Amino acid sequence: MSILDAEIRRLDGTPATLREVTGGQPALIVNVASRCGLTPQYAGLEQLQEKYADQGFTVVGVPCNQFLGQEPGSAEEIAEFCSATYGVTFPMTEKVDVNGDERHEVFRTLTEAPNEKGEAGDVTWNFEKFLIDADGAVVARFSPSIEPMDSRITDTIAPLLR
């Protein structure tokens, strides 16, 4: 089964598969949080969305509350925060666990991929980024500290665009 066939609800609670959320196109999947020191990366994620959406690419935000409780809000609160504070237009999913026994199946697959240091395994913090191609294969994994518009990310996205 492809990661794209994994069921994951949209932030509004409607059922979907990852393929439906991504529109079947390459995507940067990011575990996000509203009360993190890295939360301003939402602005860069939205820049990526604006820059590449017309070329067959999307960002997907996946809220997670596993890191010091930095995403405590309800789906409605998360949606309002992202829209009002950062003008987020990219798709967001339900809040999920990215690590541990209750890790969502999307992240079971994503965390098998190594990061830029060659290390696979648990998500280290909010705003870890996973780039998948249109077939759902993990192309790259980027640490939370790498800004969304960093050339390491944009240069890796470019070959995936139509």
N, C-alpha and C. Protein backbone atom coordinates (compact mmCIF):
# COMPACT_ATOMS: atom_id res chain seq x y z
N MET A 1 0.84 -1.19 0.00
CA MET A 1 0.00 0.00 0.00
C MET A 1 0.88 1.24 0.00
N SER A 2 0.52 2.23 -0.79
CA SER A 2 1.24 3.49 -0.85
C SER A 2 0.85 4.38 0.33
N ILE A 3 1.79 5.19 0.77
CA ILE A 3 1.50 6.17 1.82
C ILE A 3 0.32 7.05 1.41
N LEU A 4 0.13 7.24 0.12
CA LEU A 4 -0.95 8.09 -0.37
C LEU A 4 -2.33 7.49 -0.11
N ASP A 5 -2.38 6.17 0.13
CA ASP A 5 -3.64 5.51 0.43
C ASP A 5 -4.01 5.55 1.90
N ALA A 6 -3.10 6.05 2.73
CA ALA A 6 -3.35 6.14 4.17
C ALA A 6 -4.50 7.11 4.44
N GLU A 7 -5.39 6.70 5.33
CA GLU A 7 -6.50 7.57 5.70
C GLU A 7 -6.03 8.59 6.73
N ILE A 8 -6.37 9.84 6.48
CA ILE A 8 -6.07 10.92 7.42
C ILE A 8 -7.14 11.99 7.22
N ARG A 9 -7.77 12.36 8.29
CA ARG A 9 -8.86 13.35 8.18
C ARG A 9 -8.30 14.74 7.93
N ARG A 10 -9.08 15.51 7.22
CA ARG A 10 -8.74 16.93 7.06
C ARG A 10 -8.98 17.62 8.39
N LEU A 11 -8.46 18.82 8.54
CA LEU A 11 -8.60 19.55 9.80
C LEU A 11 -10.07 19.76 10.17
N ASP A 12 -10.93 19.88 9.17
CA ASP A 12 -12.35 20.07 9.47
C ASP A 12 -13.07 18.77 9.83
N GLY A 13 -12.31 17.66 9.88
CA GLY A 13 -12.87 16.38 10.30
C GLY A 13 -13.37 15.50 9.17
N THR A 14 -13.38 16.00 7.95
CA THR A 14 -13.86 15.18 6.85
C THR A 14 -12.83 14.10 6.52
N PRO A 15 -13.31 12.88 6.24
CA PRO A 15 -12.39 11.80 5.92
C PRO A 15 -11.70 12.02 4.58
N ALA A 16 -10.47 11.53 4.49
CA ALA A 16 -9.70 11.66 3.25
C ALA A 16 -8.56 10.65 3.29
N THR A 17 -7.92 10.51 2.16
CA THR A 17 -6.64 9.80 2.10
C THR A 17 -5.58 10.88 1.90
N LEU A 18 -4.34 10.50 2.13
CA LEU A 18 -3.26 11.46 1.90
C LEU A 18 -3.24 11.88 0.43
N ARG A 19 -3.58 10.97 -0.47
CA ARG A 19 -3.65 11.31 -1.90
C ARG A 19 -4.65 12.43 -2.14
N GLU A 20 -5.82 12.35 -1.47
CA GLU A 20 -6.83 13.41 -1.63
C GLU A 20 -6.35 14.72 -1.03
N VAL A 21 -5.66 14.66 0.09
CA VAL A 21 -5.16 15.87 0.74
C VAL A 21 -4.09 16.55 -0.12
N THR A 22 -3.20 15.73 -0.72
CA THR A 22 -2.12 16.29 -1.54
C THR A 22 -2.56 16.60 -2.96
N GLY A 23 -3.72 16.12 -3.35
CA GLY A 23 -4.16 16.28 -4.72
C GLY A 23 -3.36 15.39 -5.67
N GLY A 24 -2.69 14.36 -5.12
CA GLY A 24 -1.91 13.45 -5.94
C GLY A 24 -0.67 14.09 -6.54
N GLN A 25 -0.19 15.13 -5.91
CA GLN A 25 0.99 15.83 -6.41
C GLN A 25 2.10 15.82 -5.36
N PRO A 26 3.32 16.15 -5.75
CA PRO A 26 4.39 16.24 -4.75
C PRO A 26 3.98 17.17 -3.62
N ALA A 27 4.47 16.84 -2.42
CA ALA A 27 4.06 17.62 -1.25
C ALA A 27 5.17 17.66 -0.21
N LEU A 28 5.18 18.73 0.55
CA LEU A 28 6.03 18.85 1.72
C LEU A 28 5.10 18.67 2.92
N ILE A 29 5.28 17.56 3.63
CA ILE A 29 4.45 17.26 4.79
C ILE A 29 5.20 17.70 6.03
N VAL A 30 4.54 18.53 6.84
CA VAL A 30 5.21 19.15 7.98
C VAL A 30 4.35 18.99 9.23
N ASN A 31 4.97 18.46 10.31
CA ASN A 31 4.23 18.45 11.58
C ASN A 31 4.34 19.85 12.18
N VAL A 32 3.20 20.46 12.43
CA VAL A 32 3.15 21.86 12.82
C VAL A 32 2.57 22.04 14.23
N ALA A 33 2.85 23.21 14.80
CA ALA A 33 2.33 23.56 16.12
C ALA A 33 2.20 25.07 16.22
N SER A 34 1.19 25.53 16.93
CA SER A 34 0.87 26.95 17.01
C SER A 34 1.62 27.70 18.11
N ARG A 35 2.20 26.98 19.06
CA ARG A 35 2.84 27.65 20.20
C ARG A 35 4.29 27.21 20.37
N CYS A 36 5.01 27.21 19.27
CA CYS A 36 6.39 26.73 19.24
C CYS A 36 7.28 27.89 18.81
N GLY A 37 8.52 27.87 19.21
CA GLY A 37 9.46 28.87 18.75
C GLY A 37 9.63 28.87 17.24
N LEU A 38 9.31 27.74 16.61
CA LEU A 38 9.42 27.63 15.16
C LEU A 38 8.12 27.95 14.43
N THR A 39 7.08 28.30 15.17
CA THR A 39 5.78 28.59 14.56
C THR A 39 5.86 29.64 13.45
N PRO A 40 6.75 30.64 13.53
CA PRO A 40 6.86 31.59 12.41
C PRO A 40 7.21 30.93 11.07
N GLN A 41 7.63 29.66 11.08
CA GLN A 41 7.88 28.97 9.81
C GLN A 41 6.61 28.81 8.99
N TYR A 42 5.44 28.97 9.62
CA TYR A 42 4.20 28.96 8.85
C TYR A 42 4.28 29.97 7.70
N ALA A 43 4.91 31.11 7.92
CA ALA A 43 5.02 32.13 6.87
C ALA A 43 5.81 31.58 5.68
N GLY A 44 6.92 30.90 5.95
CA GLY A 44 7.71 30.30 4.88
C GLY A 44 7.00 29.16 4.19
N LEU A 45 6.25 28.38 4.95
CA LEU A 45 5.46 27.31 4.35
C LEU A 45 4.42 27.88 3.40
N GLU A 46 3.79 28.97 3.81
CA GLU A 46 2.82 29.61 2.93
C GLU A 46 3.50 30.19 1.69
N GLN A 47 4.72 30.71 1.84
CA GLN A 47 5.48 31.19 0.68
C GLN A 47 5.74 30.05 -0.31
N LEU A 48 6.13 28.89 0.20
CA LEU A 48 6.32 27.72 -0.66
C LEU A 48 5.04 27.39 -1.41
N GLN A 49 3.93 27.38 -0.67
CA GLN A 49 2.64 27.08 -1.28
C GLN A 49 2.33 28.06 -2.40
N GLU A 50 2.51 29.33 -2.13
CA GLU A 50 2.21 30.35 -3.14
C GLU A 50 3.14 30.25 -4.35
N LYS A 51 4.40 29.94 -4.10
CA LYS A 51 5.39 29.88 -5.17
C LYS A 51 5.18 28.68 -6.10
N TYR A 52 4.82 27.53 -5.52
CA TYR A 52 4.81 26.29 -6.30
C TYR A 52 3.45 25.66 -6.56
N ALA A 53 2.39 26.16 -5.98
CA ALA A 53 1.07 25.53 -6.14
C ALA A 53 0.66 25.41 -7.60
N ASP A 54 0.93 26.42 -8.39
CA ASP A 54 0.54 26.39 -9.80
C ASP A 54 1.41 25.44 -10.63
N GLN A 55 2.48 24.91 -10.02
CA GLN A 55 3.37 23.99 -10.72
C GLN A 55 3.18 22.55 -10.23
N GLY A 56 2.04 22.29 -9.58
CA GLY A 56 1.73 20.94 -9.15
C GLY A 56 2.39 20.51 -7.87
N PHE A 57 2.34 21.36 -6.86
CA PHE A 57 2.97 21.08 -5.56
C PHE A 57 2.09 21.63 -4.45
N THR A 58 2.15 21.00 -3.29
CA THR A 58 1.44 21.54 -2.13
C THR A 58 2.21 21.28 -0.86
N VAL A 59 1.98 22.13 0.10
CA VAL A 59 2.43 21.93 1.48
C VAL A 59 1.25 21.29 2.20
N VAL A 60 1.52 20.40 3.15
CA VAL A 60 0.47 19.82 3.99
C VAL A 60 0.89 19.98 5.44
N GLY A 61 0.09 20.71 6.20
CA GLY A 61 0.36 20.88 7.63
C GLY A 61 -0.34 19.80 8.43
N VAL A 62 0.41 19.17 9.34
CA VAL A 62 -0.14 18.11 10.17
C VAL A 62 0.07 18.49 11.64
N PRO A 63 -0.94 19.04 12.28
CA PRO A 63 -0.79 19.45 13.68
C PRO A 63 -0.44 18.26 14.59
N CYS A 64 0.41 18.55 15.56
CA CYS A 64 0.83 17.53 16.51
C CYS A 64 1.06 18.20 17.87
N ASN A 65 0.61 17.56 18.92
CA ASN A 65 0.73 18.12 20.27
C ASN A 65 1.71 17.31 21.14
N GLN A 66 2.62 16.58 20.52
CA GLN A 66 3.51 15.70 21.28
C GLN A 66 4.77 16.37 21.82
N PHE A 67 5.04 17.60 21.43
CA PHE A 67 6.27 18.26 21.83
C PHE A 67 5.93 19.41 22.79
N LEU A 68 6.03 19.13 24.07
CA LEU A 68 5.75 20.10 25.14
C LEU A 68 4.36 20.72 25.04
N GLY A 69 3.40 19.99 24.48
CA GLY A 69 2.02 20.47 24.40
C GLY A 69 1.88 21.77 23.62
N GLN A 70 2.67 21.92 22.55
CA GLN A 70 2.69 23.19 21.83
C GLN A 70 1.60 23.33 20.76
N GLU A 71 0.72 22.32 20.68
CA GLU A 71 -0.46 22.43 19.79
C GLU A 71 -1.68 21.93 20.56
N PRO A 72 -2.10 22.70 21.59
CA PRO A 72 -3.20 22.25 22.44
C PRO A 72 -4.59 22.54 21.89
N GLY A 73 -4.69 23.35 20.86
CA GLY A 73 -5.99 23.84 20.40
C GLY A 73 -6.85 22.79 19.72
N SER A 74 -8.13 23.14 19.62
CA SER A 74 -9.08 22.33 18.86
C SER A 74 -8.83 22.56 17.37
N ALA A 75 -9.44 21.76 16.54
CA ALA A 75 -9.32 21.94 15.10
C ALA A 75 -9.74 23.34 14.69
N GLU A 76 -10.83 23.83 15.27
CA GLU A 76 -11.32 25.17 14.94
C GLU A 76 -10.32 26.24 15.36
N GLU A 77 -9.72 26.08 16.54
CA GLU A 77 -8.73 27.06 17.01
C GLU A 77 -7.48 27.04 16.14
N ILE A 78 -7.06 25.85 15.74
CA ILE A 78 -5.89 25.73 14.86
C ILE A 78 -6.16 26.41 13.52
N ALA A 79 -7.32 26.13 12.94
CA ALA A 79 -7.68 26.72 11.65
C ALA A 79 -7.73 28.24 11.74
N GLU A 80 -8.34 28.76 12.80
CA GLU A 80 -8.43 30.21 12.97
C GLU A 80 -7.06 30.83 13.14
N PHE A 81 -6.22 30.22 13.96
CA PHE A 81 -4.87 30.74 14.18
C PHE A 81 -4.08 30.79 12.87
N CYS A 82 -4.09 29.69 12.13
CA CYS A 82 -3.31 29.61 10.90
C CYS A 82 -3.79 30.61 9.86
N SER A 83 -5.09 30.75 9.75
CA SER A 83 -5.66 31.66 8.78
C SER A 83 -5.41 33.12 9.18
N ALA A 84 -5.75 33.46 10.41
CA ALA A 84 -5.67 34.85 10.85
C ALA A 84 -4.23 35.32 11.02
N THR A 85 -3.35 34.46 11.51
CA THR A 85 -1.99 34.89 11.82
C THR A 85 -1.06 34.78 10.62
N TYR A 86 -1.21 33.72 9.82
CA TYR A 86 -0.26 33.48 8.73
C TYR A 86 -0.89 33.38 7.35
N GLY A 87 -2.20 33.53 7.26
CA GLY A 87 -2.88 33.46 5.96
C GLY A 87 -2.71 32.13 5.26
N VAL A 88 -2.65 31.06 6.04
CA VAL A 88 -2.40 29.73 5.50
C VAL A 88 -3.50 29.32 4.52
N THR A 89 -3.08 28.90 3.33
CA THR A 89 -4.02 28.41 2.33
C THR A 89 -3.78 26.93 2.00
N PHE A 90 -2.67 26.38 2.46
CA PHE A 90 -2.38 24.98 2.17
C PHE A 90 -3.22 24.06 3.04
N PRO A 91 -3.43 22.82 2.59
CA PRO A 91 -4.27 21.90 3.36
C PRO A 91 -3.66 21.53 4.70
N MET A 92 -4.54 21.35 5.67
CA MET A 92 -4.16 20.93 7.01
C MET A 92 -4.96 19.66 7.33
N THR A 93 -4.34 18.79 8.11
CA THR A 93 -5.01 17.56 8.51
C THR A 93 -5.40 17.63 9.98
N GLU A 94 -6.04 16.57 10.41
CA GLU A 94 -6.35 16.41 11.82
C GLU A 94 -5.07 16.39 12.63
N LYS A 95 -5.19 16.63 13.92
CA LYS A 95 -4.05 16.54 14.83
C LYS A 95 -3.75 15.06 15.04
N VAL A 96 -2.47 14.69 14.90
CA VAL A 96 -2.07 13.28 15.04
C VAL A 96 -0.82 13.17 15.89
N ASP A 97 -0.53 11.94 16.30
CA ASP A 97 0.75 11.62 16.92
C ASP A 97 1.72 11.27 15.80
N VAL A 98 2.94 11.79 15.91
CA VAL A 98 3.97 11.51 14.91
C VAL A 98 5.00 10.52 15.44
N ASN A 99 5.00 10.26 16.73
CA ASN A 99 5.91 9.32 17.38
C ASN A 99 5.13 8.40 18.31
N GLY A 100 5.77 7.33 18.74
CA GLY A 100 5.20 6.47 19.77
C GLY A 100 4.23 5.43 19.24
N ASP A 101 3.61 4.73 20.18
CA ASP A 101 2.70 3.63 19.85
C ASP A 101 1.50 4.06 19.04
N GLU A 102 1.06 5.31 19.21
CA GLU A 102 -0.12 5.81 18.49
C GLU A 102 0.27 6.62 17.25
N ARG A 103 1.52 6.49 16.82
CA ARG A 103 2.01 7.22 15.64
C ARG A 103 1.08 6.95 14.46
N HIS A 104 0.67 8.00 13.78
CA HIS A 104 -0.20 7.85 12.61
C HIS A 104 0.55 7.10 11.52
N GLU A 105 -0.18 6.30 10.75
CA GLU A 105 0.47 5.47 9.73
C GLU A 105 1.25 6.29 8.70
N VAL A 106 0.83 7.51 8.41
CA VAL A 106 1.60 8.36 7.50
C VAL A 106 3.01 8.55 8.07
N PHE A 107 3.09 8.81 9.37
CA PHE A 107 4.40 9.06 9.97
C PHE A 107 5.18 7.78 10.24
N ARG A 108 4.50 6.63 10.28
CA ARG A 108 5.24 5.36 10.35
C ARG A 108 6.09 5.21 9.10
N THR A 109 5.54 5.59 7.96
CA THR A 109 6.29 5.52 6.71
C THR A 109 7.31 6.65 6.61
N LEU A 110 6.89 7.86 6.89
CA LEU A 110 7.80 9.01 6.74
C LEU A 110 9.05 8.88 7.61
N THR A 111 8.88 8.39 8.84
CA THR A 111 10.03 8.34 9.75
C THR A 111 11.02 7.23 9.42
N GLU A 112 10.70 6.40 8.44
CA GLU A 112 11.67 5.41 7.95
C GLU A 112 12.73 6.07 7.08
N ALA A 113 12.43 7.27 6.59
CA ALA A 113 13.37 7.98 5.72
C ALA A 113 14.43 8.69 6.55
N PRO A 114 15.68 8.67 6.08
CA PRO A 114 16.74 9.38 6.81
C PRO A 114 16.68 10.89 6.54
N ASN A 115 17.16 11.65 7.52
CA ASN A 115 17.27 13.10 7.35
C ASN A 115 18.59 13.44 6.66
N GLU A 116 18.93 14.72 6.61
CA GLU A 116 20.14 15.15 5.91
C GLU A 116 21.42 14.62 6.56
N LYS A 117 21.33 14.13 7.79
CA LYS A 117 22.48 13.53 8.48
C LYS A 117 22.51 12.01 8.32
N GLY A 118 21.54 11.47 7.56
CA GLY A 118 21.47 10.03 7.33
C GLY A 118 20.77 9.27 8.44
N GLU A 119 20.06 9.98 9.31
CA GLU A 119 19.40 9.35 10.46
C GLU A 119 17.90 9.24 10.24
N ALA A 120 17.39 8.02 10.34
CA ALA A 120 15.95 7.77 10.30
C ALA A 120 15.45 7.69 11.74
N GLY A 121 14.14 7.55 11.90
CA GLY A 121 13.58 7.37 13.24
C GLY A 121 12.62 8.48 13.60
N ASP A 122 12.37 8.59 14.90
CA ASP A 122 11.36 9.52 15.40
C ASP A 122 11.53 10.94 14.88
N VAL A 123 10.39 11.62 14.77
CA VAL A 123 10.38 13.05 14.50
C VAL A 123 11.02 13.71 15.71
N THR A 124 11.94 14.63 15.47
CA THR A 124 12.70 15.24 16.57
C THR A 124 12.01 16.42 17.23
N TRP A 125 11.19 17.16 16.47
CA TRP A 125 10.53 18.34 17.02
C TRP A 125 9.49 18.83 16.02
N ASN A 126 8.72 19.82 16.42
CA ASN A 126 7.76 20.46 15.52
C ASN A 126 8.49 21.01 14.29
N PHE A 127 7.79 21.02 13.18
CA PHE A 127 8.26 21.57 11.92
C PHE A 127 9.35 20.73 11.25
N GLU A 128 9.37 19.42 11.53
CA GLU A 128 10.19 18.52 10.72
C GLU A 128 9.46 18.38 9.39
N LYS A 129 10.23 18.31 8.31
CA LYS A 129 9.64 18.37 6.97
C LYS A 129 10.00 17.13 6.16
N PHE A 130 8.99 16.59 5.46
CA PHE A 130 9.17 15.41 4.63
C PHE A 130 8.67 15.73 3.23
N LEU A 131 9.53 15.60 2.24
CA LEU A 131 9.15 15.85 0.85
C LEU A 131 8.83 14.52 0.19
N ILE A 132 7.62 14.41 -0.35
CA ILE A 132 7.23 13.21 -1.09
C ILE A 132 6.96 13.57 -2.54
N ASP A 133 7.18 12.59 -3.42
CA ASP A 133 6.86 12.83 -4.82
C ASP A 133 5.40 12.47 -5.09
N ALA A 134 4.98 12.59 -6.34
CA ALA A 134 3.57 12.37 -6.68
C ALA A 134 3.13 10.93 -6.46
N ASP A 135 4.10 10.00 -6.36
CA ASP A 135 3.79 8.60 -6.10
C ASP A 135 3.82 8.27 -4.62
N GLY A 136 4.17 9.24 -3.79
CA GLY A 136 4.21 9.03 -2.35
C GLY A 136 5.56 8.59 -1.81
N ALA A 137 6.56 8.48 -2.66
CA ALA A 137 7.90 8.10 -2.19
C ALA A 137 8.54 9.29 -1.46
N VAL A 138 9.20 9.00 -0.36
CA VAL A 138 9.89 10.06 0.38
C VAL A 138 11.17 10.42 -0.37
N VAL A 139 11.26 11.67 -0.78
CA VAL A 139 12.41 12.17 -1.53
C VAL A 139 13.47 12.73 -0.59
N ALA A 140 13.03 13.40 0.47
CA ALA A 140 13.96 14.02 1.41
C ALA A 140 13.26 14.30 2.72
N ARG A 141 14.09 14.42 3.75
CA ARG A 141 13.61 14.76 5.10
C ARG A 141 14.50 15.88 5.61
N PHE A 142 13.86 16.91 6.16
CA PHE A 142 14.58 18.10 6.61
C PHE A 142 14.30 18.36 8.08
N SER A 143 15.34 18.70 8.81
CA SER A 143 15.21 18.96 10.24
C SER A 143 14.37 20.20 10.50
N PRO A 144 13.81 20.30 11.70
CA PRO A 144 12.97 21.44 12.04
C PRO A 144 13.65 22.80 11.87
N SER A 145 14.94 22.85 12.07
CA SER A 145 15.64 24.14 12.02
C SER A 145 15.81 24.67 10.60
N ILE A 146 15.64 23.83 9.59
CA ILE A 146 15.78 24.30 8.20
C ILE A 146 14.52 25.05 7.81
N GLU A 147 14.70 26.31 7.45
CA GLU A 147 13.57 27.17 7.07
C GLU A 147 12.94 26.67 5.76
N PRO A 148 11.64 26.81 5.63
CA PRO A 148 10.94 26.30 4.44
C PRO A 148 11.49 26.82 3.11
N MET A 149 11.94 28.08 3.05
CA MET A 149 12.42 28.63 1.79
C MET A 149 13.92 28.44 1.59
N ASP A 150 14.55 27.67 2.46
CA ASP A 150 15.98 27.37 2.33
C ASP A 150 16.22 26.68 0.99
N SER A 151 17.32 26.99 0.35
CA SER A 151 17.62 26.40 -0.96
C SER A 151 17.74 24.88 -0.91
N ARG A 152 18.09 24.32 0.24
CA ARG A 152 18.15 22.86 0.34
C ARG A 152 16.78 22.25 0.10
N ILE A 153 15.74 22.97 0.50
CA ILE A 153 14.37 22.49 0.26
C ILE A 153 13.91 22.86 -1.14
N THR A 154 14.04 24.12 -1.51
CA THR A 154 13.53 24.55 -2.82
C THR A 154 14.26 23.85 -3.96
N ASP A 155 15.56 23.60 -3.81
CA ASP A 155 16.31 22.90 -4.87
C ASP A 155 15.87 21.44 -4.99
N THR A 156 15.37 20.86 -3.90
CA THR A 156 14.91 19.48 -3.93
C THR A 156 13.48 19.39 -4.48
N ILE A 157 12.70 20.45 -4.27
CA ILE A 157 11.34 20.50 -4.81
C ILE A 157 11.36 20.68 -6.34
N ALA A 158 12.25 21.52 -6.83
CA ALA A 158 12.25 21.94 -8.24
C ALA A 158 12.15 20.78 -9.24
N PRO A 159 12.92 19.69 -9.10
CA PRO A 159 12.82 18.62 -10.09
C PRO A 159 11.47 17.87 -10.08
N LEU A 160 10.70 18.05 -9.02
CA LEU A 160 9.42 17.35 -8.90
C LEU A 160 8.27 18.11 -9.55
N LEU A 161 8.52 19.36 -9.93
CA LEU A 161 7.47 20.22 -10.45
C LEU A 161 7.19 19.93 -11.91
N ARG A 162 5.96 20.25 -12.32
CA ARG A 162 5.62 20.03 -13.74
C ARG A 162 5.80 21.31 -14.52
